[in-house]
């Protein structure tokens, strides 16, 4: 994967880290803003070391695109250095529902997920909770934070660098693999959340997904259509009285998503429909 910061727009950089091919961003002005903090303290330290080695400016803020562990479990390293972290106001609730129990299990039984290095993780929510569109300028450039409607999670935050027309969208869009359901996803609402976002994205805008390389507006439209097909198939099955375990989605969807992802989509969507 990329072992350097790739300029995606004027003063805006992406670096793709393993594991998980996760996109980390730097918005560089007189000072720097970092987008996402990776999946454990060591990985967060690596980000800060790489930023220090490449940019002759301090990091003055970080932003979480959403609550999932691979984007937030490095938060404690930034907070310990006095660096504020911006994130969706529902992240603390998501942590309590989804990440806290999993983290506790892995700490007690590391063999349950041997690829996770979570022994030193302290669940750390953002220090600045965002519940409405917000413009910040800590790094010397205006950055717009826009809470999204529920989709990949109910903690998704779109980040726009308006002077470079560049978006960081986290995992509401993924390029190096299909978008993931589960862990608090809203399959029925996700397409509409993206349609609302598409109304704000210009044709020439640069879009950095949560995993993978830079994409454009047309890519977002295509992924929105696929997510809509998932929602439509699930709604039709539910309306026909098909039990969750018996739902079979269209063959084209199986060509794009693994079976395990689609099973998660069905479970989450049926839970939504039951609640309604």
Protein backbone atom coordinates (compact mmCIF):
# COMPACT_ATOMS: atom_id res chain seq x y z
CA UNK A 1 0.00 0.00 0.00
CA UNK A 2 1.07 3.63 -0.30
CA UNK A 3 4.06 4.40 1.90
CA UNK A 4 3.88 8.15 1.39
CA UNK A 5 1.43 11.02 1.55
CA UNK A 6 -0.26 11.42 -1.82
CA UNK A 7 -1.46 14.92 -2.74
CA UNK A 8 -5.11 14.69 -3.78
CA UNK A 9 -5.72 18.45 -3.99
CA UNK A 10 -3.88 21.64 -3.07
CA UNK A 11 -2.57 21.09 0.46
CA UNK A 12 -4.72 17.98 1.00
CA UNK A 13 -3.11 14.57 1.35
CA UNK A 14 -4.12 10.94 1.70
CA UNK A 15 -2.11 7.98 2.97
CA UNK A 16 -3.38 4.40 2.82
CA UNK A 17 -2.36 2.22 5.73
CA UNK A 18 -2.53 -1.49 6.40
CA UNK A 19 -4.26 -3.28 7.93
CA UNK A 20 -7.57 -2.68 6.16
CA UNK A 21 -6.31 -0.22 3.54
CA UNK A 22 -7.61 2.65 5.64
CA UNK A 23 -7.43 6.22 4.35
CA UNK A 24 -5.86 8.79 6.65
CA UNK A 25 -5.98 12.43 5.60
CA UNK A 26 -3.94 15.53 6.29
CA UNK A 27 -5.35 18.98 5.58
CA UNK A 28 -2.28 21.20 5.56
CA UNK A 29 -2.34 24.92 6.21
CA UNK A 30 -0.10 26.87 8.58
CA UNK A 31 -0.88 23.91 10.86
CA UNK A 32 -2.25 20.45 10.10
CA UNK A 33 -5.54 18.61 10.65
CA UNK A 34 -5.59 14.81 10.61
CA UNK A 35 -8.61 12.80 9.42
CA UNK A 36 -9.14 9.60 11.47
CA UNK A 37 -6.77 8.02 14.00
CA UNK A 38 -6.63 4.30 13.02
CA UNK A 39 -7.21 1.20 15.12
CA UNK A 40 -4.95 1.25 18.19
CA UNK A 41 -2.43 3.50 19.96
CA UNK A 42 0.59 2.18 18.05
CA UNK A 43 -1.11 2.92 14.74
CA UNK A 44 -1.98 6.44 15.92
CA UNK A 45 1.62 7.01 16.95
CA UNK A 46 2.65 5.92 13.45
CA UNK A 47 0.37 8.55 11.92
CA UNK A 48 1.85 11.32 14.06
CA UNK A 49 5.38 10.17 13.29
CA UNK A 50 4.65 10.07 9.57
CA UNK A 51 3.05 13.53 9.68
CA UNK A 52 6.02 14.94 11.58
CA UNK A 53 8.40 13.45 9.04
CA UNK A 54 6.56 14.82 6.02
CA UNK A 55 5.13 18.19 7.08
CA UNK A 56 6.91 20.97 8.87
CA UNK A 57 3.89 22.03 10.90
CA UNK A 58 2.13 20.92 14.07
CA UNK A 59 -1.05 18.85 14.23
CA UNK A 60 -3.67 21.03 15.91
CA UNK A 61 -6.83 18.92 15.48
CA UNK A 62 -8.13 15.54 14.35
CA UNK A 63 -11.51 14.55 12.96
CA UNK A 64 -13.30 11.18 13.19
CA UNK A 65 -15.34 10.32 10.09
CA UNK A 66 -17.40 7.83 12.13
CA UNK A 67 -17.26 5.62 15.21
CA UNK A 68 -15.83 2.30 13.99
CA UNK A 69 -12.73 1.01 15.71
CA UNK A 70 -10.40 1.26 12.72
CA UNK A 71 -11.08 5.01 12.57
CA UNK A 72 -11.20 5.90 16.29
CA UNK A 73 -9.22 3.51 18.50
CA UNK A 74 -6.16 5.74 18.14
CA UNK A 75 -8.02 8.73 19.61
CA UNK A 76 -6.38 8.45 23.02
CA UNK A 77 -2.94 9.23 21.58
CA UNK A 78 -4.13 12.53 20.13
CA UNK A 79 -6.05 13.50 23.27
CA UNK A 80 -3.02 12.74 25.45
CA UNK A 81 -1.12 15.34 23.42
CA UNK A 82 -3.84 17.93 23.90
CA UNK A 83 -5.04 17.66 20.30
CA UNK A 84 -8.82 18.18 20.07
CA UNK A 85 -10.81 15.58 18.15
CA UNK A 86 -14.02 16.48 16.33
CA UNK A 87 -16.64 13.81 15.71
CA UNK A 88 -20.35 13.08 15.43
CA UNK A 89 -22.28 13.64 18.64
CA UNK A 90 -23.61 10.07 18.62
CA UNK A 91 -20.17 8.45 18.81
CA UNK A 92 -20.32 7.98 22.61
CA UNK A 93 -23.64 6.13 22.29
CA UNK A 94 -22.28 4.01 19.42
CA UNK A 95 -19.24 3.13 21.53
CA UNK A 96 -21.50 1.99 24.35
CA UNK A 97 -23.68 -0.13 22.04
CA UNK A 98 -21.10 -1.64 19.69
CA UNK A 99 -17.43 -1.08 20.50
CA UNK A 100 -17.28 -1.27 24.31
CA UNK A 101 -18.37 -4.89 24.64
CA UNK A 102 -16.21 -6.06 21.76
CA UNK A 103 -13.17 -4.28 23.19
CA UNK A 104 -13.77 -5.82 26.61
CA UNK A 105 -14.09 -9.31 25.11
CA UNK A 106 -10.86 -8.99 23.14
CA UNK A 107 -8.99 -7.70 26.18
CA UNK A 108 -10.25 -10.62 28.28
CA UNK A 109 -9.79 -13.21 25.51
CA UNK A 110 -7.22 -11.98 22.97
CA UNK A 111 -7.49 -15.26 21.10
CA UNK A 112 -11.07 -14.35 20.10
CA UNK A 113 -9.70 -11.81 17.59
CA UNK A 114 -5.95 -12.42 17.41
CA UNK A 115 -5.43 -9.79 14.71
CA UNK A 116 -6.54 -6.99 17.07
CA UNK A 117 -3.88 -5.19 19.15
CA UNK A 118 -6.22 -3.70 21.70
CA UNK A 119 -4.56 -4.44 25.05
CA UNK A 120 -3.72 -0.74 25.55
CA UNK A 121 -6.80 0.79 23.93
CA UNK A 122 -8.79 3.19 26.08
CA UNK A 123 -12.13 3.97 24.45
CA UNK A 124 -11.88 7.71 23.81
CA UNK A 125 -14.74 9.63 22.20
CA UNK A 126 -14.16 12.88 20.34
CA UNK A 127 -13.57 15.86 22.59
CA UNK A 128 -15.75 18.12 20.41
CA UNK A 129 -19.11 16.56 19.56
CA UNK A 130 -20.71 17.84 16.36
CA UNK A 131 -24.52 17.84 16.09
CA UNK A 132 -24.98 20.40 13.29
CA UNK A 133 -22.94 21.69 10.35
CA UNK A 134 -19.79 23.33 11.69
CA UNK A 135 -16.98 25.35 10.13
CA UNK A 136 -13.59 25.13 11.83
CA UNK A 137 -10.31 26.84 11.07
CA UNK A 138 -7.77 25.50 13.55
CA UNK A 139 -5.24 24.59 10.87
CA UNK A 140 -5.46 27.95 9.16
CA UNK A 141 -7.89 26.72 6.49
CA UNK A 142 -11.66 26.54 6.70
CA UNK A 143 -12.96 22.96 6.96
CA UNK A 144 -16.67 22.14 7.00
CA UNK A 145 -18.01 19.26 9.12
CA UNK A 146 -21.43 17.94 8.13
CA UNK A 147 -23.25 15.28 10.18
CA UNK A 148 -25.01 12.89 7.81
CA UNK A 149 -28.28 11.05 8.14
CA UNK A 150 -27.93 7.45 9.33
CA UNK A 151 -26.29 5.20 6.74
CA UNK A 152 -23.08 3.26 7.27
CA UNK A 153 -23.64 4.20 10.93
CA UNK A 154 -25.60 6.91 12.71
CA UNK A 155 -22.26 8.64 13.41
CA UNK A 156 -21.16 9.48 9.86
CA UNK A 157 -19.53 12.88 9.39
CA UNK A 158 -18.69 14.33 5.97
CA UNK A 159 -15.64 16.59 5.85
CA UNK A 160 -15.33 19.20 3.12
CA UNK A 161 -12.24 21.31 2.40
CA UNK A 162 -14.05 24.00 0.41
CA UNK A 163 -11.03 25.83 -1.01
CA UNK A 164 -9.86 22.53 -2.56
CA UNK A 165 -13.34 21.02 -3.19
CA UNK A 166 -12.19 17.82 -1.46
CA UNK A 167 -14.35 15.51 0.65
CA UNK A 168 -13.38 12.91 3.23
CA UNK A 169 -16.40 10.63 3.60
CA UNK A 170 -15.26 7.74 5.78
CA UNK A 171 -17.00 4.46 5.09
CA UNK A 172 -20.23 5.77 3.62
CA UNK A 173 -18.17 5.17 0.45
CA UNK A 174 -15.50 2.51 -0.01
CA UNK A 175 -13.35 1.87 -3.06
CA UNK A 176 -11.01 -1.02 -2.27
CA UNK A 177 -13.92 -3.28 -1.34
CA UNK A 178 -17.71 -3.09 -1.09
CA UNK A 179 -19.17 -0.94 1.70
CA UNK A 180 -19.66 -2.88 4.92
CA UNK A 181 -22.95 -3.51 6.68
CA UNK A 182 -23.26 -4.41 10.37
CA UNK A 183 -21.84 -2.77 13.51
CA UNK A 184 -24.63 -0.24 13.60
CA UNK A 185 -25.48 0.18 9.91
CA UNK A 186 -28.80 1.43 8.51
CA UNK A 187 -29.19 -0.34 5.13
CA UNK A 188 -32.65 1.08 4.42
CA UNK A 189 -31.60 4.70 5.01
CA UNK A 190 -28.07 4.64 3.59
CA UNK A 191 -29.04 5.35 -0.05
CA UNK A 192 -31.03 8.44 0.92
CA UNK A 193 -28.16 9.70 3.08
CA UNK A 194 -25.92 9.46 0.01
CA UNK A 195 -28.46 11.16 -2.24
CA UNK A 196 -28.55 14.08 0.18
CA UNK A 197 -24.77 14.23 0.05
CA UNK A 198 -24.70 14.00 -3.75
CA UNK A 199 -26.74 17.20 -3.92
CA UNK A 200 -23.76 18.95 -2.31
CA UNK A 201 -20.97 17.28 -4.34
CA UNK A 202 -19.84 19.08 -7.50
CA UNK A 203 -18.95 17.06 -10.62
CA UNK A 204 -15.23 17.87 -10.36
CA UNK A 205 -14.92 17.36 -6.58
CA UNK A 206 -12.28 15.05 -5.15
CA UNK A 207 -13.69 12.34 -2.86
CA UNK A 208 -11.53 10.37 -0.43
CA UNK A 209 -13.30 7.17 0.73
CA UNK A 210 -12.69 5.48 4.05
CA UNK A 211 -10.81 2.64 2.33
CA UNK A 212 -9.15 2.77 -1.07
CA UNK A 213 -8.16 5.36 -3.62
CA UNK A 214 -9.75 8.68 -4.53
CA UNK A 215 -13.07 8.52 -6.42
CA UNK A 216 -15.42 10.94 -8.14
CA UNK A 217 -19.09 11.83 -7.99
CA UNK A 218 -20.00 9.21 -10.60
CA UNK A 219 -18.51 6.49 -8.39
CA UNK A 220 -20.67 7.68 -5.49
CA UNK A 221 -23.74 7.56 -7.72
CA UNK A 222 -22.97 3.97 -8.73
CA UNK A 223 -22.44 2.85 -5.14
CA UNK A 224 -25.67 4.61 -4.13
CA UNK A 225 -27.57 2.64 -6.78
CA UNK A 226 -26.17 -0.66 -5.47
CA UNK A 227 -27.10 0.24 -1.89
CA UNK A 228 -30.59 1.17 -3.11
CA UNK A 229 -30.93 -2.26 -4.74
CA UNK A 230 -30.08 -3.91 -1.40
CA UNK A 231 -32.69 -1.79 0.39
CA UNK A 232 -35.34 -2.49 -2.26
CA UNK A 233 -34.80 -6.26 -2.18
CA UNK A 234 -34.98 -6.36 1.59
CA UNK A 235 -38.12 -4.22 1.74
CA UNK A 236 -39.79 -6.46 -0.84
CA UNK A 237 -38.88 -9.60 1.10
CA UNK A 238 -40.16 -8.13 4.34
CA UNK A 239 -43.42 -6.99 2.72
CA UNK A 240 -43.89 -10.52 1.34
CA UNK A 241 -43.53 -12.00 4.84
CA UNK A 242 -40.19 -13.72 4.16
CA UNK A 243 -38.34 -14.53 7.37
CA UNK A 244 -34.99 -12.83 7.81
CA UNK A 245 -33.07 -16.12 7.60
CA UNK A 246 -34.78 -16.99 4.31
CA UNK A 247 -34.15 -13.74 2.44
CA UNK A 248 -32.21 -14.20 -0.79
CA UNK A 249 -31.04 -11.02 -2.48
CA UNK A 250 -30.46 -10.60 -6.21
CA UNK A 251 -27.56 -12.36 -7.93
CA UNK A 252 -25.98 -9.05 -9.01
CA UNK A 253 -25.71 -8.05 -5.37
CA UNK A 254 -23.97 -11.32 -4.54
CA UNK A 255 -21.44 -10.57 -7.27
CA UNK A 256 -20.56 -7.32 -5.48
CA UNK A 257 -20.91 -8.18 -1.78
CA UNK A 258 -19.83 -11.29 0.16
CA UNK A 259 -22.66 -13.35 1.61
CA UNK A 260 -21.68 -12.39 5.16
CA UNK A 261 -22.09 -8.68 4.36
CA UNK A 262 -25.53 -9.21 2.84
CA UNK A 263 -26.62 -11.32 5.83
CA UNK A 264 -25.66 -8.40 8.07
CA UNK A 265 -27.64 -6.04 5.86
CA UNK A 266 -30.74 -8.21 6.14
CA UNK A 267 -30.45 -8.51 9.92
CA UNK A 268 -29.97 -4.77 10.41
CA UNK A 269 -32.74 -3.84 7.99
CA UNK A 270 -35.24 -6.28 9.51
CA UNK A 271 -34.41 -4.85 12.94
CA UNK A 272 -35.14 -1.38 11.58
CA UNK A 273 -38.46 -2.51 10.10
CA UNK A 274 -39.45 -4.21 13.35
CA UNK A 275 -38.71 -1.02 15.29
CA UNK A 276 -40.86 0.99 12.92
